[in-house]
Amino acid sequence: MGKLKIQSIAATWLTILSMGSHGSPVERITDQANALASGAASSKEVVQNGGQRPFMFTPNNGYVGLETRLDVSMTYTSFEHGGQNVRQVEKAVVDWGDGSNATTVTPGTPAYHTYGHRTKEGSITPNGSVVFTGRITFVTTSGDAYTERFQYSMWNNFLDSVVPGGRALPNQLLPSVNGAGSSDKLPSGFFDRNNK
């Protein structure tokens, strides 16, 4: 046998051995997903999943002094007790992240906010690009509170205008805005395998 033939056979055997008991990468991923869903894989972790988007923030970036709109969904989807739960949203309390007062939003009624200030003469405050990180606490009719983060990218030059804003799933439990809810829970982006 030639050297190329031996290398080809060796590469084939390495590929087969690297798959282990799985016939293909698809089967391996399917087995991992099933283990995660059943709770068999790792007992002390949290899995991040984007879930249903509970709010729309438009635009999520803009020039200093531009008004933005926040729409809150009628329902909030969370992952608890081994499954997906959909709850009715009673209200959402918003910390805009810029030091202004918190705003209470009712689902179906948009809230508006302006980041920075621009005068008729053209001066702007602050005179710079800033990414604000705010929080939204969704209070459900059951009294549970789910807090998520969002970002708004305020810019004053073209280069900074490419920085996006929008939903930013947290990697830990966030406190509710102004103590809005009676029972803080992990946001919808997480499935807690220990909570079954």
N, C-alpha and C. Protein backbone atom coordinates (compact mmCIF):
# COMPACT_ATOMS: atom_id res chain seq x y z
N MET A 1 0.83 -1.18 0.00
CA MET A 1 0.00 0.00 0.00
C MET A 1 0.87 1.24 0.00
N GLY A 2 0.30 2.25 -0.65
CA GLY A 2 1.03 3.50 -0.72
C GLY A 2 0.84 4.34 0.54
N LYS A 3 1.70 5.31 0.71
CA LYS A 3 1.66 6.19 1.88
C LYS A 3 0.33 6.96 1.96
N LEU A 4 -0.18 7.43 0.81
CA LEU A 4 -1.45 8.16 0.77
C LEU A 4 -2.62 7.28 1.19
N LYS A 5 -2.60 6.03 0.78
CA LYS A 5 -3.67 5.08 1.12
C LYS A 5 -3.67 4.83 2.62
N ILE A 6 -2.50 4.67 3.23
CA ILE A 6 -2.40 4.44 4.68
C ILE A 6 -2.91 5.65 5.45
N GLN A 7 -2.56 6.86 5.01
CA GLN A 7 -3.04 8.07 5.67
C GLN A 7 -4.55 8.19 5.56
N SER A 8 -5.10 7.80 4.43
CA SER A 8 -6.55 7.85 4.23
C SER A 8 -7.27 6.89 5.15
N ILE A 9 -6.74 5.68 5.30
CA ILE A 9 -7.35 4.68 6.20
C ILE A 9 -7.24 5.15 7.64
N ALA A 10 -6.08 5.69 8.02
CA ALA A 10 -5.90 6.19 9.39
C ALA A 10 -6.87 7.33 9.69
N ALA A 11 -7.07 8.24 8.76
CA ALA A 11 -7.99 9.36 8.96
C ALA A 11 -9.43 8.85 9.11
N THR A 12 -9.79 7.85 8.32
CA THR A 12 -11.15 7.27 8.42
C THR A 12 -11.37 6.64 9.78
N TRP A 13 -10.39 5.87 10.27
CA TRP A 13 -10.54 5.23 11.59
C TRP A 13 -10.58 6.27 12.71
N LEU A 14 -9.79 7.32 12.62
CA LEU A 14 -9.84 8.38 13.63
C LEU A 14 -11.21 9.05 13.65
N THR A 15 -11.80 9.26 12.49
CA THR A 15 -13.12 9.86 12.41
C THR A 15 -14.15 8.97 13.06
N ILE A 16 -14.10 7.68 12.76
CA ILE A 16 -15.06 6.73 13.34
C ILE A 16 -14.90 6.66 14.85
N LEU A 17 -13.64 6.59 15.33
CA LEU A 17 -13.41 6.51 16.77
C LEU A 17 -13.82 7.79 17.49
N SER A 18 -13.68 8.94 16.86
CA SER A 18 -14.02 10.21 17.51
C SER A 18 -15.53 10.36 17.69
N MET A 19 -16.31 9.60 16.92
CA MET A 19 -17.77 9.67 17.07
C MET A 19 -18.25 8.88 18.27
N GLY A 20 -17.40 8.02 18.80
CA GLY A 20 -17.79 7.22 19.95
C GLY A 20 -18.96 6.32 19.61
N SER A 21 -19.94 6.27 20.50
CA SER A 21 -21.11 5.41 20.28
C SER A 21 -22.13 6.07 19.37
N HIS A 22 -21.91 7.30 19.00
CA HIS A 22 -22.85 8.02 18.14
C HIS A 22 -22.48 7.78 16.68
N GLY A 23 -23.46 7.58 15.85
CA GLY A 23 -23.22 7.34 14.44
C GLY A 23 -22.85 8.60 13.69
N SER A 24 -23.28 9.76 14.18
CA SER A 24 -23.00 11.01 13.49
C SER A 24 -23.04 12.16 14.48
N PRO A 25 -22.51 13.32 14.10
CA PRO A 25 -22.60 14.49 14.98
C PRO A 25 -24.05 14.87 15.28
N VAL A 26 -24.95 14.64 14.34
CA VAL A 26 -26.36 14.96 14.57
C VAL A 26 -26.92 14.11 15.70
N GLU A 27 -26.57 12.81 15.71
CA GLU A 27 -27.04 11.94 16.79
C GLU A 27 -26.45 12.36 18.13
N ARG A 28 -25.18 12.77 18.13
CA ARG A 28 -24.54 13.23 19.37
C ARG A 28 -25.25 14.46 19.92
N ILE A 29 -25.55 15.41 19.06
CA ILE A 29 -26.22 16.64 19.50
C ILE A 29 -27.64 16.32 19.97
N THR A 30 -28.33 15.42 19.26
CA THR A 30 -29.68 15.02 19.67
C THR A 30 -29.65 14.38 21.04
N ASP A 31 -28.68 13.48 21.30
CA ASP A 31 -28.56 12.84 22.61
C ASP A 31 -28.27 13.87 23.70
N GLN A 32 -27.42 14.86 23.41
CA GLN A 32 -27.13 15.90 24.40
C GLN A 32 -28.38 16.72 24.70
N ALA A 33 -29.14 17.07 23.66
CA ALA A 33 -30.37 17.85 23.85
C ALA A 33 -31.38 17.08 24.69
N ASN A 34 -31.51 15.78 24.41
CA ASN A 34 -32.44 14.96 25.20
C ASN A 34 -32.01 14.86 26.65
N ALA A 35 -30.69 14.75 26.89
CA ALA A 35 -30.18 14.69 28.26
C ALA A 35 -30.44 16.01 28.99
N LEU A 36 -30.27 17.13 28.29
CA LEU A 36 -30.55 18.43 28.90
C LEU A 36 -32.03 18.57 29.23
N ALA A 37 -32.89 18.18 28.31
CA ALA A 37 -34.33 18.32 28.50
C ALA A 37 -34.84 17.45 29.64
N SER A 38 -34.25 16.27 29.80
CA SER A 38 -34.71 15.36 30.86
C SER A 38 -34.07 15.68 32.20
N GLY A 39 -33.06 16.53 32.20
CA GLY A 39 -32.37 16.88 33.45
C GLY A 39 -31.25 15.92 33.79
N ALA A 40 -30.98 14.95 32.91
CA ALA A 40 -29.95 13.96 33.18
C ALA A 40 -28.54 14.54 33.08
N ALA A 41 -28.38 15.58 32.30
CA ALA A 41 -27.05 16.17 32.11
C ALA A 41 -26.83 17.28 33.13
N SER A 42 -25.76 17.18 33.88
CA SER A 42 -25.31 18.22 34.78
C SER A 42 -26.42 18.76 35.67
N SER A 43 -26.25 18.66 36.96
CA SER A 43 -27.32 19.01 37.87
C SER A 43 -27.25 20.43 38.43
N LYS A 44 -26.21 21.16 38.20
CA LYS A 44 -26.04 22.46 38.83
C LYS A 44 -25.86 23.58 37.81
N GLU A 45 -26.55 23.54 36.70
CA GLU A 45 -26.33 24.54 35.67
C GLU A 45 -27.63 25.18 35.23
N VAL A 46 -27.47 26.25 34.53
CA VAL A 46 -28.59 26.95 33.92
C VAL A 46 -28.31 27.04 32.43
N VAL A 47 -29.31 26.74 31.60
CA VAL A 47 -29.15 26.77 30.16
C VAL A 47 -29.80 28.03 29.63
N GLN A 48 -29.11 28.77 28.78
CA GLN A 48 -29.67 29.99 28.22
C GLN A 48 -30.40 29.68 26.93
N ASN A 49 -31.59 30.26 26.80
CA ASN A 49 -32.42 30.08 25.62
C ASN A 49 -33.13 31.40 25.39
N GLY A 50 -33.10 31.93 24.18
CA GLY A 50 -33.68 33.24 23.91
C GLY A 50 -35.16 33.33 24.23
N GLY A 51 -35.91 32.26 24.09
CA GLY A 51 -37.33 32.27 24.41
C GLY A 51 -38.11 33.27 23.56
N GLN A 52 -39.36 33.46 23.90
CA GLN A 52 -40.22 34.43 23.22
C GLN A 52 -39.82 35.84 23.65
N ARG A 53 -39.68 36.75 22.72
CA ARG A 53 -39.27 38.11 23.06
C ARG A 53 -40.43 38.82 23.76
N PRO A 54 -40.24 39.28 25.01
CA PRO A 54 -41.33 39.88 25.77
C PRO A 54 -41.51 41.39 25.55
N PHE A 55 -40.63 42.01 24.78
CA PHE A 55 -40.78 43.45 24.53
C PHE A 55 -40.11 43.81 23.21
N MET A 56 -40.54 44.97 22.67
CA MET A 56 -39.92 45.50 21.47
C MET A 56 -39.47 46.92 21.78
N PHE A 57 -38.23 47.20 21.48
CA PHE A 57 -37.60 48.49 21.79
C PHE A 57 -37.15 49.09 20.47
N THR A 58 -37.87 50.11 19.97
CA THR A 58 -37.56 50.66 18.65
C THR A 58 -37.53 52.19 18.66
N PRO A 59 -36.55 52.81 18.06
CA PRO A 59 -35.29 52.18 17.66
C PRO A 59 -34.46 51.87 18.89
N ASN A 60 -33.54 50.92 18.77
CA ASN A 60 -32.71 50.57 19.92
C ASN A 60 -31.35 51.27 19.88
N ASN A 61 -31.18 52.15 18.90
CA ASN A 61 -30.03 53.06 18.90
C ASN A 61 -30.44 54.32 18.14
N GLY A 62 -29.78 55.41 18.44
CA GLY A 62 -30.13 56.65 17.76
C GLY A 62 -29.28 57.83 18.18
N TYR A 63 -29.45 58.93 17.45
CA TYR A 63 -28.74 60.17 17.72
C TYR A 63 -29.23 60.77 19.03
N VAL A 64 -28.38 61.54 19.66
CA VAL A 64 -28.73 62.20 20.93
C VAL A 64 -30.05 62.96 20.77
N GLY A 65 -30.98 62.72 21.71
CA GLY A 65 -32.25 63.42 21.71
C GLY A 65 -33.34 62.76 20.89
N LEU A 66 -33.10 61.56 20.36
CA LEU A 66 -34.11 60.85 19.58
C LEU A 66 -35.04 60.07 20.52
N GLU A 67 -36.34 60.12 20.26
CA GLU A 67 -37.30 59.40 21.09
C GLU A 67 -37.36 57.93 20.68
N THR A 68 -37.45 57.04 21.66
CA THR A 68 -37.56 55.62 21.41
C THR A 68 -38.87 55.10 22.00
N ARG A 69 -39.34 53.99 21.49
CA ARG A 69 -40.64 53.43 21.90
C ARG A 69 -40.44 52.02 22.45
N LEU A 70 -41.15 51.73 23.55
CA LEU A 70 -41.10 50.42 24.17
C LEU A 70 -42.50 49.82 24.18
N ASP A 71 -42.65 48.64 23.57
CA ASP A 71 -43.91 47.90 23.61
C ASP A 71 -43.70 46.62 24.40
N VAL A 72 -44.61 46.35 25.33
CA VAL A 72 -44.52 45.17 26.19
C VAL A 72 -45.54 44.14 25.74
N SER A 73 -45.11 42.89 25.71
CA SER A 73 -45.97 41.78 25.30
C SER A 73 -47.06 41.52 26.35
N MET A 74 -48.15 40.94 25.91
CA MET A 74 -49.26 40.61 26.82
C MET A 74 -48.92 39.40 27.70
N THR A 75 -47.98 38.57 27.25
CA THR A 75 -47.59 37.37 28.00
C THR A 75 -46.09 37.32 28.18
N TYR A 76 -45.67 36.54 29.18
CA TYR A 76 -44.25 36.33 29.44
C TYR A 76 -44.01 34.83 29.52
N THR A 77 -43.03 34.35 28.76
CA THR A 77 -42.71 32.93 28.72
C THR A 77 -41.49 32.66 29.58
N SER A 78 -41.61 31.71 30.50
CA SER A 78 -40.47 31.33 31.34
C SER A 78 -40.33 29.82 31.30
N PHE A 79 -39.17 29.35 31.74
CA PHE A 79 -38.90 27.92 31.80
C PHE A 79 -38.77 27.53 33.27
N GLU A 80 -39.78 26.82 33.79
CA GLU A 80 -39.79 26.44 35.20
C GLU A 80 -40.38 25.05 35.35
N HIS A 81 -40.01 24.39 36.44
CA HIS A 81 -40.58 23.09 36.80
C HIS A 81 -40.49 22.10 35.64
N GLY A 82 -39.39 22.13 34.93
CA GLY A 82 -39.17 21.17 33.86
C GLY A 82 -39.90 21.48 32.57
N GLY A 83 -40.51 22.65 32.46
CA GLY A 83 -41.23 22.96 31.23
C GLY A 83 -41.35 24.45 30.98
N GLN A 84 -42.08 24.77 29.95
CA GLN A 84 -42.26 26.16 29.54
C GLN A 84 -43.60 26.66 30.07
N ASN A 85 -43.58 27.82 30.71
CA ASN A 85 -44.79 28.42 31.26
C ASN A 85 -45.05 29.77 30.61
N VAL A 86 -46.30 30.03 30.27
CA VAL A 86 -46.70 31.31 29.70
C VAL A 86 -47.63 31.97 30.70
N ARG A 87 -47.27 33.19 31.12
CA ARG A 87 -48.07 33.91 32.12
C ARG A 87 -48.52 35.25 31.55
N GLN A 88 -49.66 35.71 32.02
CA GLN A 88 -50.21 37.00 31.63
C GLN A 88 -49.44 38.11 32.33
N VAL A 89 -49.01 39.13 31.57
CA VAL A 89 -48.29 40.26 32.16
C VAL A 89 -49.28 41.30 32.65
N GLU A 90 -49.15 41.67 33.92
CA GLU A 90 -50.00 42.71 34.51
C GLU A 90 -49.43 44.09 34.20
N LYS A 91 -48.11 44.20 34.39
CA LYS A 91 -47.42 45.48 34.13
C LYS A 91 -45.94 45.21 33.97
N ALA A 92 -45.25 46.19 33.44
CA ALA A 92 -43.79 46.14 33.35
C ALA A 92 -43.27 47.44 33.93
N VAL A 93 -42.23 47.36 34.74
CA VAL A 93 -41.61 48.54 35.33
C VAL A 93 -40.23 48.69 34.71
N VAL A 94 -39.97 49.88 34.14
CA VAL A 94 -38.77 50.09 33.34
C VAL A 94 -37.81 51.06 34.02
N ASP A 95 -36.58 50.62 34.18
CA ASP A 95 -35.46 51.50 34.57
C ASP A 95 -34.72 51.76 33.28
N TRP A 96 -34.78 52.98 32.77
CA TRP A 96 -34.22 53.31 31.45
C TRP A 96 -32.70 53.28 31.41
N GLY A 97 -32.04 53.24 32.58
CA GLY A 97 -30.59 53.14 32.62
C GLY A 97 -29.85 54.45 32.51
N ASP A 98 -30.59 55.57 32.46
CA ASP A 98 -29.92 56.87 32.32
C ASP A 98 -30.14 57.78 33.53
N GLY A 99 -30.62 57.20 34.63
CA GLY A 99 -30.83 57.99 35.84
C GLY A 99 -32.20 58.64 35.94
N SER A 100 -33.03 58.52 34.92
CA SER A 100 -34.37 59.10 34.97
C SER A 100 -35.28 58.21 35.82
N ASN A 101 -36.47 58.71 36.14
CA ASN A 101 -37.41 57.96 36.96
C ASN A 101 -37.90 56.71 36.23
N ALA A 102 -38.20 55.68 37.01
CA ALA A 102 -38.74 54.45 36.44
C ALA A 102 -40.14 54.71 35.89
N THR A 103 -40.54 53.94 34.89
CA THR A 103 -41.83 54.08 34.24
C THR A 103 -42.58 52.77 34.32
N THR A 104 -43.88 52.82 34.64
CA THR A 104 -44.71 51.63 34.64
C THR A 104 -45.46 51.57 33.31
N VAL A 105 -45.36 50.42 32.65
CA VAL A 105 -45.95 50.24 31.33
C VAL A 105 -47.00 49.13 31.39
N THR A 106 -48.15 49.39 30.80
CA THR A 106 -49.21 48.38 30.70
C THR A 106 -49.11 47.72 29.33
N PRO A 107 -49.22 46.39 29.26
CA PRO A 107 -49.18 45.73 27.94
C PRO A 107 -50.24 46.31 27.01
N GLY A 108 -49.86 46.57 25.79
CA GLY A 108 -50.78 47.16 24.81
C GLY A 108 -50.70 48.67 24.73
N THR A 109 -50.05 49.30 25.70
CA THR A 109 -49.88 50.76 25.71
C THR A 109 -48.39 51.07 25.64
N PRO A 110 -47.90 51.66 24.57
CA PRO A 110 -46.46 51.90 24.45
C PRO A 110 -45.97 52.98 25.41
N ALA A 111 -44.69 52.88 25.76
CA ALA A 111 -44.03 53.91 26.56
C ALA A 111 -42.97 54.56 25.68
N TYR A 112 -42.73 55.84 25.89
CA TYR A 112 -41.75 56.59 25.09
C TYR A 112 -40.70 57.17 26.01
N HIS A 113 -39.47 57.22 25.52
CA HIS A 113 -38.38 57.78 26.31
C HIS A 113 -37.36 58.42 25.37
N THR A 114 -36.74 59.50 25.83
CA THR A 114 -35.72 60.19 25.05
C THR A 114 -34.40 60.12 25.80
N TYR A 115 -33.38 59.64 25.12
CA TYR A 115 -32.03 59.59 25.70
C TYR A 115 -31.26 60.82 25.25
N GLY A 116 -30.71 61.54 26.23
CA GLY A 116 -29.96 62.76 25.92
C GLY A 116 -30.91 63.91 25.60
N HIS A 117 -30.32 65.06 25.29
CA HIS A 117 -31.11 66.26 25.02
C HIS A 117 -30.46 67.03 23.87
N ARG A 118 -31.30 67.52 22.96
CA ARG A 118 -30.82 68.33 21.85
C ARG A 118 -31.64 69.61 21.82
N THR A 119 -30.97 70.76 21.79
CA THR A 119 -31.68 72.04 21.75
C THR A 119 -31.98 72.42 20.31
N LYS A 120 -32.84 73.42 20.14
CA LYS A 120 -33.16 73.93 18.80
C LYS A 120 -31.93 74.51 18.11
N GLU A 121 -31.00 75.00 18.92
CA GLU A 121 -29.77 75.59 18.38
C GLU A 121 -28.78 74.51 17.93
N GLY A 122 -29.01 73.26 18.31
CA GLY A 122 -28.14 72.18 17.87
C GLY A 122 -27.19 71.64 18.90
N SER A 123 -27.15 72.23 20.10
CA SER A 123 -26.24 71.68 21.12
C SER A 123 -26.86 70.40 21.70
N ILE A 124 -25.97 69.46 22.05
CA ILE A 124 -26.44 68.18 22.57
C ILE A 124 -25.82 67.88 23.92
N THR A 125 -26.58 67.17 24.76
CA THR A 125 -26.12 66.76 26.08
C THR A 125 -26.55 65.31 26.30
N PRO A 126 -25.67 64.43 26.64
CA PRO A 126 -24.23 64.59 26.72
C PRO A 126 -23.62 64.64 25.34
N ASN A 127 -22.47 65.27 25.23
CA ASN A 127 -21.80 65.41 23.95
C ASN A 127 -20.85 64.23 23.76
N GLY A 128 -21.43 63.08 23.50
CA GLY A 128 -20.63 61.87 23.31
C GLY A 128 -21.55 60.69 23.08
N SER A 129 -20.94 59.59 22.70
CA SER A 129 -21.69 58.36 22.46
C SER A 129 -21.71 57.54 23.75
N VAL A 130 -22.89 57.03 24.11
CA VAL A 130 -23.06 56.28 25.35
C VAL A 130 -23.96 55.08 25.07
N VAL A 131 -23.61 53.92 25.64
CA VAL A 131 -24.50 52.76 25.60
C VAL A 131 -25.12 52.64 26.98
N PHE A 132 -26.43 52.84 27.07
CA PHE A 132 -27.17 52.75 28.32
C PHE A 132 -27.68 51.32 28.50
N THR A 133 -27.57 50.80 29.72
CA THR A 133 -28.11 49.48 30.04
C THR A 133 -29.26 49.68 31.01
N GLY A 134 -30.46 49.32 30.58
CA GLY A 134 -31.64 49.44 31.42
C GLY A 134 -32.17 48.08 31.83
N ARG A 135 -33.19 48.10 32.68
CA ARG A 135 -33.82 46.86 33.13
C ARG A 135 -35.33 46.99 32.99
N ILE A 136 -35.97 45.87 32.71
CA ILE A 136 -37.42 45.81 32.67
C ILE A 136 -37.86 44.66 33.57
N THR A 137 -38.73 44.95 34.52
CA THR A 137 -39.31 43.90 35.35
C THR A 137 -40.73 43.65 34.88
N PHE A 138 -41.00 42.42 34.47
CA PHE A 138 -42.33 42.01 34.04
C PHE A 138 -43.03 41.37 35.24
N VAL A 139 -44.11 41.99 35.69
CA VAL A 139 -44.88 41.46 36.81
C VAL A 139 -46.09 40.76 36.23
N THR A 140 -46.23 39.48 36.54
CA THR A 140 -47.33 38.69 35.99
C THR A 140 -48.53 38.76 36.94
N THR A 141 -49.67 38.30 36.45
CA THR A 141 -50.89 38.31 37.28
C THR A 141 -50.75 37.37 38.46
N SER A 142 -49.81 36.42 38.41
CA SER A 142 -49.58 35.51 39.54
C SER A 142 -48.64 36.14 40.58
N GLY A 143 -48.13 37.35 40.32
CA GLY A 143 -47.25 38.04 41.26
C GLY A 143 -45.78 37.78 41.05
N ASP A 144 -45.43 36.89 40.12
CA ASP A 144 -44.03 36.62 39.85
C ASP A 144 -43.41 37.78 39.07
N ALA A 145 -42.12 38.01 39.29
CA ALA A 145 -41.41 39.10 38.62
C ALA A 145 -40.21 38.55 37.87
N TYR A 146 -40.10 38.89 36.60
CA TYR A 146 -39.00 38.47 35.74
C TYR A 146 -38.31 39.73 35.23
N THR A 147 -37.03 39.87 35.53
CA THR A 147 -36.30 41.08 35.15
C THR A 147 -35.29 40.76 34.05
N GLU A 148 -35.32 41.56 32.99
CA GLU A 148 -34.39 41.44 31.88
C GLU A 148 -33.67 42.76 31.68
N ARG A 149 -32.59 42.70 30.91
CA ARG A 149 -31.83 43.91 30.57
C ARG A 149 -32.05 44.26 29.11
N PHE A 150 -31.82 45.52 28.80
CA PHE A 150 -31.79 45.96 27.41
C PHE A 150 -30.71 47.02 27.29
N GLN A 151 -30.30 47.29 26.07
CA GLN A 151 -29.32 48.33 25.84
C GLN A 151 -29.84 49.30 24.80
N TYR A 152 -29.51 50.58 25.02
CA TYR A 152 -29.81 51.61 24.05
C TYR A 152 -28.50 52.29 23.72
N SER A 153 -28.15 52.31 22.44
CA SER A 153 -26.90 52.91 21.99
C SER A 153 -27.17 54.31 21.46
N MET A 154 -26.79 55.32 22.24
CA MET A 154 -26.95 56.71 21.83
C MET A 154 -25.63 57.18 21.23
N TRP A 155 -25.67 57.76 20.05
CA TRP A 155 -24.45 58.14 19.36
C TRP A 155 -24.52 59.58 18.85
N ASN A 156 -23.34 60.14 18.64
CA ASN A 156 -23.27 61.49 18.08
C ASN A 156 -22.33 61.57 16.88
N ASN A 157 -21.89 60.40 16.38
CA ASN A 157 -21.09 60.39 15.16
C ASN A 157 -21.36 59.10 14.40
N PHE A 158 -21.01 59.09 13.15
CA PHE A 158 -21.33 57.97 12.27
C PHE A 158 -20.72 56.65 12.73
N LEU A 159 -19.47 56.66 13.15
CA LEU A 159 -18.81 55.41 13.54
C LEU A 159 -19.50 54.73 14.71
N ASP A 160 -19.97 55.52 15.68
CA ASP A 160 -20.64 54.93 16.83
C ASP A 160 -22.06 54.47 16.51
N SER A 161 -22.60 54.86 15.36
CA SER A 161 -23.96 54.49 15.02
C SER A 161 -24.12 53.01 14.67
N VAL A 162 -23.02 52.31 14.47
CA VAL A 162 -23.10 50.89 14.13
C VAL A 162 -23.22 50.00 15.37
N VAL A 163 -23.13 50.58 16.57
CA VAL A 163 -23.27 49.79 17.80
C VAL A 163 -24.76 49.54 18.04
N PRO A 164 -25.19 48.27 18.03
CA PRO A 164 -26.61 47.98 18.20
C PRO A 164 -27.04 48.03 19.66
N GLY A 165 -28.31 48.14 19.87
CA GLY A 165 -28.90 48.03 21.19
C GLY A 165 -29.89 46.87 21.16
N GLY A 166 -30.81 46.83 22.11
CA GLY A 166 -31.83 45.80 22.13
C GLY A 166 -31.75 44.91 23.35
N ARG A 167 -32.41 43.76 23.27
CA ARG A 167 -32.49 42.82 24.38
C ARG A 167 -31.10 42.26 24.69
N ALA A 168 -30.77 42.22 25.98
CA ALA A 168 -29.50 41.66 26.44
C ALA A 168 -29.81 40.70 27.57
N LEU A 169 -29.85 39.40 27.25
CA LEU A 169 -30.19 38.42 28.29
C LEU A 169 -29.14 38.43 29.39
N PRO A 170 -29.57 38.52 30.64
CA PRO A 170 -28.63 38.53 31.76
C PRO A 170 -28.08 37.14 32.00
N ASN A 171 -26.93 37.05 32.68
CA ASN A 171 -26.38 35.74 33.01
C ASN A 171 -26.53 35.43 34.50
N GLN A 172 -27.40 36.18 35.17
CA GLN A 172 -27.70 35.92 36.57
C GLN A 172 -29.07 36.53 36.90
N LEU A 173 -29.59 36.19 38.06
CA LEU A 173 -30.86 36.74 38.51
C LEU A 173 -30.68 38.22 38.82
N LEU A 174 -31.50 39.07 38.20
CA LEU A 174 -31.43 40.51 38.43
C LEU A 174 -32.51 40.93 39.43
N PRO A 175 -32.22 41.92 40.28
CA PRO A 175 -33.27 42.41 41.17
C PRO A 175 -34.34 43.15 40.37
N SER A 176 -35.58 43.08 40.84
CA SER A 176 -36.66 43.76 40.12
C SER A 176 -36.50 45.28 40.25
N VAL A 177 -37.03 46.00 39.29
CA VAL A 177 -36.95 47.46 39.27
C VAL A 177 -37.86 48.02 40.36
N ASN A 178 -37.30 48.80 41.26
CA ASN A 178 -38.05 49.43 42.35
C ASN A 178 -38.88 48.44 43.15
N GLY A 179 -38.41 47.19 43.29
CA GLY A 179 -39.13 46.18 44.05
C GLY A 179 -40.50 45.88 43.48
N ALA A 180 -40.61 45.87 42.15
CA ALA A 180 -41.90 45.75 41.47
C ALA A 180 -42.63 44.45 41.75
N GLY A 181 -41.92 43.36 41.89
CA GLY A 181 -42.60 42.07 42.05
C GLY A 181 -42.41 41.50 43.44
N SER A 182 -43.31 40.62 43.82
CA SER A 182 -43.22 40.02 45.15
C SER A 182 -42.34 38.77 45.13
N SER A 183 -42.13 38.18 43.95
CA SER A 183 -41.36 36.94 43.84
C SER A 183 -40.47 37.00 42.60
N ASP A 184 -39.17 37.33 42.81
CA ASP A 184 -38.24 37.40 41.68
C ASP A 184 -37.90 36.01 41.18
N LYS A 185 -37.89 35.84 39.87
CA LYS A 185 -37.58 34.55 39.24
C LYS A 185 -36.56 34.77 38.13
N LEU A 186 -35.96 33.66 37.68
CA LEU A 186 -35.03 33.74 36.55
C LEU A 186 -35.79 34.22 35.32
N PRO A 187 -35.16 35.06 34.48
CA PRO A 187 -35.84 35.56 33.28
C PRO A 187 -36.07 34.46 32.26
N SER A 188 -36.86 34.78 31.23
CA SER A 188 -37.27 33.77 30.26
C SER A 188 -36.13 33.14 29.52
N GLY A 189 -34.99 33.77 29.49
CA GLY A 189 -33.87 33.23 28.74
C GLY A 189 -33.21 32.05 29.41
N PHE A 190 -33.73 31.58 30.56
CA PHE A 190 -33.07 30.53 31.27
C PHE A 190 -34.01 29.37 31.60
N PHE A 191 -33.46 28.17 31.57
CA PHE A 191 -34.16 27.00 32.03
C PHE A 191 -33.32 26.43 33.16
N ASP A 192 -33.85 26.46 34.37
CA ASP A 192 -33.12 25.99 35.54
C ASP A 192 -33.39 24.50 35.70
N ARG A 193 -32.38 23.68 35.46
CA ARG A 193 -32.58 22.23 35.54
C ARG A 193 -32.81 21.76 36.97
N ASN A 194 -32.44 22.55 37.97
CA ASN A 194 -32.65 22.14 39.36
C ASN A 194 -34.08 22.41 39.81
N ASN A 195 -34.81 23.24 39.07
CA ASN A 195 -36.15 23.65 39.48
C ASN A 195 -37.17 22.79 38.74
N LYS A 196 -37.43 21.60 39.27
CA LYS A 196 -38.35 20.67 38.58
C LYS A 196 -39.52 20.33 39.46
